[in-house]
Amino acid sequence: KTDAGLYTCDIGTDVAKSKVSVQEKPTEVAKQLEDKTSPAGQDISLSCELSKADVTIRWYKDGKAIRKSQKYDLQQEGTRATLIIRDSTVKDS
């Protein structure tokens, strides 16, 4: 984005001008989530890699937003986003 601006080519007797706009690439999922199977009672960790760091993400289960709680831990470091499901039960499937 810092390359955006007005550029000119000046030959003394004439000037050519160009306005340059730079659009950021959208964030993409670089590494998908993997299916997991776990015995009940264990913590389950799901992670995905994003194409950019410091992007706001939201986790969902069956279309319902997941919030940080005693049951769920949401972590994000750089391009890695992680959801930890604590003390898993069959209802977490």
N, C-alpha and C. Protein backbone atom coordinates (compact mmCIF):
# COMPACT_ATOMS: atom_id res chain seq x y z
N LYS A 1 0.81 -1.20 0.00
CA LYS A 1 0.00 0.00 0.00
C LYS A 1 0.85 1.26 0.00
N THR A 2 2.07 1.17 0.51
CA THR A 2 2.93 2.36 0.58
C THR A 2 3.40 2.81 -0.79
N ASP A 3 3.23 1.96 -1.82
CA ASP A 3 3.61 2.34 -3.18
C ASP A 3 2.52 3.12 -3.91
N ALA A 4 1.35 3.27 -3.28
CA ALA A 4 0.27 4.02 -3.91
C ALA A 4 0.64 5.50 -3.96
N GLY A 5 0.18 6.19 -5.02
CA GLY A 5 0.44 7.62 -5.14
C GLY A 5 0.43 8.07 -6.59
N LEU A 6 0.84 9.31 -6.81
CA LEU A 6 0.90 9.88 -8.15
C LEU A 6 2.33 9.79 -8.66
N TYR A 7 2.51 9.15 -9.79
CA TYR A 7 3.82 9.00 -10.42
C TYR A 7 3.86 9.85 -11.67
N THR A 8 5.01 10.46 -11.93
CA THR A 8 5.16 11.30 -13.13
C THR A 8 6.44 10.94 -13.87
N CYS A 9 6.37 11.12 -15.18
CA CYS A 9 7.53 10.98 -16.04
C CYS A 9 7.71 12.34 -16.72
N ASP A 10 8.74 13.06 -16.34
CA ASP A 10 8.95 14.44 -16.80
C ASP A 10 10.13 14.48 -17.77
N ILE A 11 9.88 14.93 -19.01
CA ILE A 11 10.95 15.03 -20.00
C ILE A 11 11.31 16.49 -20.30
N GLY A 12 10.84 17.39 -19.44
CA GLY A 12 11.15 18.81 -19.62
C GLY A 12 10.08 19.54 -20.41
N THR A 13 9.74 19.04 -21.60
CA THR A 13 8.73 19.69 -22.44
C THR A 13 7.35 19.06 -22.29
N ASP A 14 7.29 17.92 -21.65
CA ASP A 14 6.02 17.23 -21.47
C ASP A 14 6.09 16.35 -20.22
N VAL A 15 4.92 16.09 -19.64
CA VAL A 15 4.86 15.28 -18.42
C VAL A 15 3.75 14.24 -18.60
N ALA A 16 4.06 13.03 -18.23
CA ALA A 16 3.05 11.97 -18.19
C ALA A 16 2.80 11.64 -16.72
N LYS A 17 1.53 11.42 -16.37
CA LYS A 17 1.16 11.16 -14.98
C LYS A 17 0.37 9.87 -14.87
N SER A 18 0.54 9.21 -13.75
CA SER A 18 -0.21 7.99 -13.48
C SER A 18 -0.53 7.93 -11.99
N LYS A 19 -1.80 7.68 -11.69
CA LYS A 19 -2.21 7.47 -10.31
C LYS A 19 -2.21 5.97 -10.05
N VAL A 20 -1.45 5.53 -9.05
CA VAL A 20 -1.31 4.12 -8.75
C VAL A 20 -2.04 3.81 -7.43
N SER A 21 -2.92 2.82 -7.48
CA SER A 21 -3.60 2.32 -6.29
C SER A 21 -3.18 0.87 -6.09
N VAL A 22 -2.93 0.50 -4.86
CA VAL A 22 -2.53 -0.87 -4.55
C VAL A 22 -3.54 -1.44 -3.57
N GLN A 23 -4.20 -2.52 -3.98
CA GLN A 23 -5.17 -3.16 -3.12
C GLN A 23 -4.53 -4.37 -2.44
N GLU A 24 -4.79 -4.48 -1.13
CA GLU A 24 -4.24 -5.63 -0.40
C GLU A 24 -4.92 -6.91 -0.86
N LYS A 25 -4.14 -7.98 -0.89
CA LYS A 25 -4.69 -9.29 -1.21
C LYS A 25 -5.56 -9.72 -0.04
N PRO A 26 -6.69 -10.36 -0.32
CA PRO A 26 -7.52 -10.83 0.79
C PRO A 26 -6.82 -11.94 1.56
N THR A 27 -7.15 -12.05 2.83
CA THR A 27 -6.59 -13.12 3.64
C THR A 27 -7.21 -14.45 3.20
N GLU A 28 -6.38 -15.46 3.13
CA GLU A 28 -6.83 -16.79 2.75
C GLU A 28 -6.38 -17.81 3.79
N VAL A 29 -7.06 -18.93 3.82
CA VAL A 29 -6.63 -20.03 4.67
C VAL A 29 -5.53 -20.77 3.92
N ALA A 30 -4.31 -20.73 4.46
CA ALA A 30 -3.16 -21.35 3.80
C ALA A 30 -3.07 -22.85 4.12
N LYS A 31 -3.54 -23.23 5.31
CA LYS A 31 -3.56 -24.65 5.70
C LYS A 31 -4.90 -24.92 6.37
N GLN A 32 -5.65 -25.86 5.80
CA GLN A 32 -6.99 -26.17 6.27
C GLN A 32 -6.98 -26.89 7.62
N LEU A 33 -8.15 -26.89 8.27
CA LEU A 33 -8.33 -27.68 9.49
C LEU A 33 -8.28 -29.16 9.13
N GLU A 34 -7.83 -29.97 10.06
CA GLU A 34 -7.79 -31.42 9.86
C GLU A 34 -8.86 -32.07 10.75
N ASP A 35 -9.49 -33.12 10.23
CA ASP A 35 -10.46 -33.87 11.03
C ASP A 35 -9.73 -34.51 12.21
N LYS A 36 -10.42 -34.57 13.34
CA LYS A 36 -9.82 -35.15 14.56
C LYS A 36 -10.78 -36.16 15.18
N THR A 37 -10.22 -37.19 15.78
CA THR A 37 -10.96 -38.16 16.57
C THR A 37 -10.24 -38.27 17.91
N SER A 38 -11.00 -38.23 19.00
CA SER A 38 -10.38 -38.24 20.31
C SER A 38 -11.28 -38.97 21.31
N PRO A 39 -10.69 -39.65 22.27
CA PRO A 39 -11.51 -40.23 23.34
C PRO A 39 -12.13 -39.12 24.18
N ALA A 40 -13.33 -39.36 24.69
CA ALA A 40 -13.99 -38.39 25.57
C ALA A 40 -13.09 -38.07 26.76
N GLY A 41 -13.15 -36.82 27.18
CA GLY A 41 -12.36 -36.39 28.35
C GLY A 41 -11.04 -35.75 28.00
N GLN A 42 -10.57 -35.91 26.77
CA GLN A 42 -9.30 -35.29 26.37
C GLN A 42 -9.55 -33.93 25.71
N ASP A 43 -8.53 -33.09 25.76
CA ASP A 43 -8.58 -31.81 25.05
C ASP A 43 -8.33 -32.07 23.56
N ILE A 44 -9.01 -31.30 22.72
CA ILE A 44 -8.83 -31.40 21.27
C ILE A 44 -8.35 -30.04 20.77
N SER A 45 -7.32 -30.04 19.95
CA SER A 45 -6.76 -28.81 19.40
C SER A 45 -6.96 -28.79 17.88
N LEU A 46 -7.59 -27.73 17.38
CA LEU A 46 -7.77 -27.52 15.95
C LEU A 46 -6.99 -26.27 15.55
N SER A 47 -6.18 -26.37 14.49
CA SER A 47 -5.39 -25.22 14.05
C SER A 47 -5.48 -25.04 12.54
N CYS A 48 -5.45 -23.79 12.12
CA CYS A 48 -5.35 -23.49 10.70
C CYS A 48 -4.33 -22.37 10.52
N GLU A 49 -3.73 -22.33 9.35
CA GLU A 49 -2.74 -21.30 9.00
C GLU A 49 -3.39 -20.32 8.04
N LEU A 50 -3.15 -19.04 8.28
CA LEU A 50 -3.68 -17.98 7.44
C LEU A 50 -2.58 -17.38 6.58
N SER A 51 -2.95 -16.71 5.51
CA SER A 51 -1.94 -16.11 4.63
C SER A 51 -1.36 -14.82 5.19
N LYS A 52 -2.02 -14.24 6.21
CA LYS A 52 -1.53 -13.02 6.85
C LYS A 52 -1.69 -13.13 8.36
N ALA A 53 -0.83 -12.42 9.07
CA ALA A 53 -0.90 -12.39 10.53
C ALA A 53 -1.87 -11.29 10.99
N ASP A 54 -2.24 -11.38 12.25
CA ASP A 54 -3.06 -10.34 12.90
C ASP A 54 -4.38 -10.07 12.19
N VAL A 55 -5.06 -11.14 11.80
CA VAL A 55 -6.36 -11.05 11.17
C VAL A 55 -7.41 -11.49 12.19
N THR A 56 -8.50 -10.76 12.28
CA THR A 56 -9.57 -11.15 13.18
C THR A 56 -10.29 -12.37 12.61
N ILE A 57 -10.38 -13.42 13.40
CA ILE A 57 -11.08 -14.62 12.95
C ILE A 57 -12.17 -14.96 13.95
N ARG A 58 -13.12 -15.77 13.51
CA ARG A 58 -14.19 -16.25 14.37
C ARG A 58 -14.28 -17.77 14.20
N TRP A 59 -14.50 -18.45 15.29
CA TRP A 59 -14.70 -19.90 15.27
C TRP A 59 -16.19 -20.18 15.43
N TYR A 60 -16.67 -21.23 14.73
CA TYR A 60 -18.07 -21.62 14.80
C TYR A 60 -18.17 -23.13 14.95
N LYS A 61 -19.24 -23.57 15.63
CA LYS A 61 -19.59 -24.99 15.68
C LYS A 61 -21.05 -25.09 15.25
N ASP A 62 -21.28 -25.83 14.18
CA ASP A 62 -22.64 -25.99 13.64
C ASP A 62 -23.32 -24.64 13.41
N GLY A 63 -22.55 -23.65 12.93
CA GLY A 63 -23.09 -22.34 12.60
C GLY A 63 -23.23 -21.39 13.77
N LYS A 64 -22.92 -21.83 14.97
CA LYS A 64 -23.04 -20.99 16.16
C LYS A 64 -21.65 -20.53 16.61
N ALA A 65 -21.51 -19.23 16.86
CA ALA A 65 -20.21 -18.65 17.23
C ALA A 65 -19.69 -19.25 18.54
N ILE A 66 -18.39 -19.50 18.58
CA ILE A 66 -17.72 -19.99 19.78
C ILE A 66 -17.00 -18.82 20.43
N ARG A 67 -17.18 -18.70 21.74
CA ARG A 67 -16.49 -17.65 22.49
C ARG A 67 -15.55 -18.30 23.50
N LYS A 68 -14.51 -17.56 23.87
CA LYS A 68 -13.55 -18.07 24.85
C LYS A 68 -14.29 -18.30 26.17
N SER A 69 -14.04 -19.48 26.76
CA SER A 69 -14.71 -19.84 28.01
C SER A 69 -13.90 -20.93 28.69
N GLN A 70 -14.46 -21.52 29.75
CA GLN A 70 -13.78 -22.65 30.38
C GLN A 70 -13.73 -23.83 29.42
N LYS A 71 -14.71 -23.93 28.53
CA LYS A 71 -14.79 -25.03 27.58
C LYS A 71 -13.88 -24.81 26.38
N TYR A 72 -13.81 -23.57 25.89
CA TYR A 72 -13.07 -23.27 24.66
C TYR A 72 -11.96 -22.25 24.91
N ASP A 73 -10.78 -22.54 24.38
CA ASP A 73 -9.68 -21.58 24.42
C ASP A 73 -9.37 -21.19 22.98
N LEU A 74 -9.38 -19.90 22.69
CA LEU A 74 -9.09 -19.39 21.35
C LEU A 74 -7.73 -18.71 21.39
N GLN A 75 -6.83 -19.15 20.53
CA GLN A 75 -5.48 -18.58 20.49
C GLN A 75 -5.14 -18.16 19.07
N GLN A 76 -4.31 -17.13 18.98
CA GLN A 76 -3.82 -16.71 17.67
C GLN A 76 -2.41 -16.16 17.83
N GLU A 77 -1.48 -16.79 17.12
CA GLU A 77 -0.08 -16.37 17.12
C GLU A 77 0.37 -16.25 15.69
N GLY A 78 0.69 -15.04 15.27
CA GLY A 78 1.12 -14.84 13.89
C GLY A 78 0.04 -15.27 12.93
N THR A 79 0.39 -16.22 12.07
CA THR A 79 -0.57 -16.69 11.07
C THR A 79 -1.32 -17.95 11.50
N ARG A 80 -1.09 -18.43 12.72
CA ARG A 80 -1.73 -19.65 13.19
C ARG A 80 -2.89 -19.31 14.14
N ALA A 81 -4.06 -19.86 13.84
CA ALA A 81 -5.24 -19.72 14.70
C ALA A 81 -5.56 -21.09 15.28
N THR A 82 -5.78 -21.15 16.59
CA THR A 82 -6.00 -22.43 17.26
C THR A 82 -7.22 -22.36 18.16
N LEU A 83 -8.03 -23.41 18.08
CA LEU A 83 -9.16 -23.61 18.98
C LEU A 83 -8.86 -24.85 19.81
N ILE A 84 -8.95 -24.71 21.14
CA ILE A 84 -8.76 -25.85 22.04
C ILE A 84 -10.10 -26.13 22.71
N ILE A 85 -10.57 -27.36 22.53
CA ILE A 85 -11.81 -27.81 23.17
C ILE A 85 -11.40 -28.59 24.40
N ARG A 86 -11.73 -28.08 25.57
CA ARG A 86 -11.32 -28.70 26.82
C ARG A 86 -12.28 -29.82 27.22
N ASP A 87 -11.72 -30.88 27.79
CA ASP A 87 -12.52 -31.98 28.37
C ASP A 87 -13.63 -32.40 27.39
N SER A 88 -13.25 -32.87 26.22
CA SER A 88 -14.21 -33.18 25.15
C SER A 88 -15.25 -34.21 25.57
N THR A 89 -16.45 -34.02 25.03
CA THR A 89 -17.55 -34.96 25.22
C THR A 89 -18.13 -35.31 23.85
N VAL A 90 -19.02 -36.29 23.82
CA VAL A 90 -19.66 -36.68 22.55
C VAL A 90 -20.40 -35.48 21.95
N LYS A 91 -20.92 -34.59 22.78
CA LYS A 91 -21.64 -33.40 22.30
C LYS A 91 -20.73 -32.47 21.49
N ASP A 92 -19.42 -32.60 21.63
CA ASP A 92 -18.48 -31.76 20.87
C ASP A 92 -18.30 -32.23 19.43
N SER A 93 -18.83 -33.39 19.11
CA SER A 93 -18.72 -33.90 17.73
C SER A 93 -19.49 -33.00 16.77
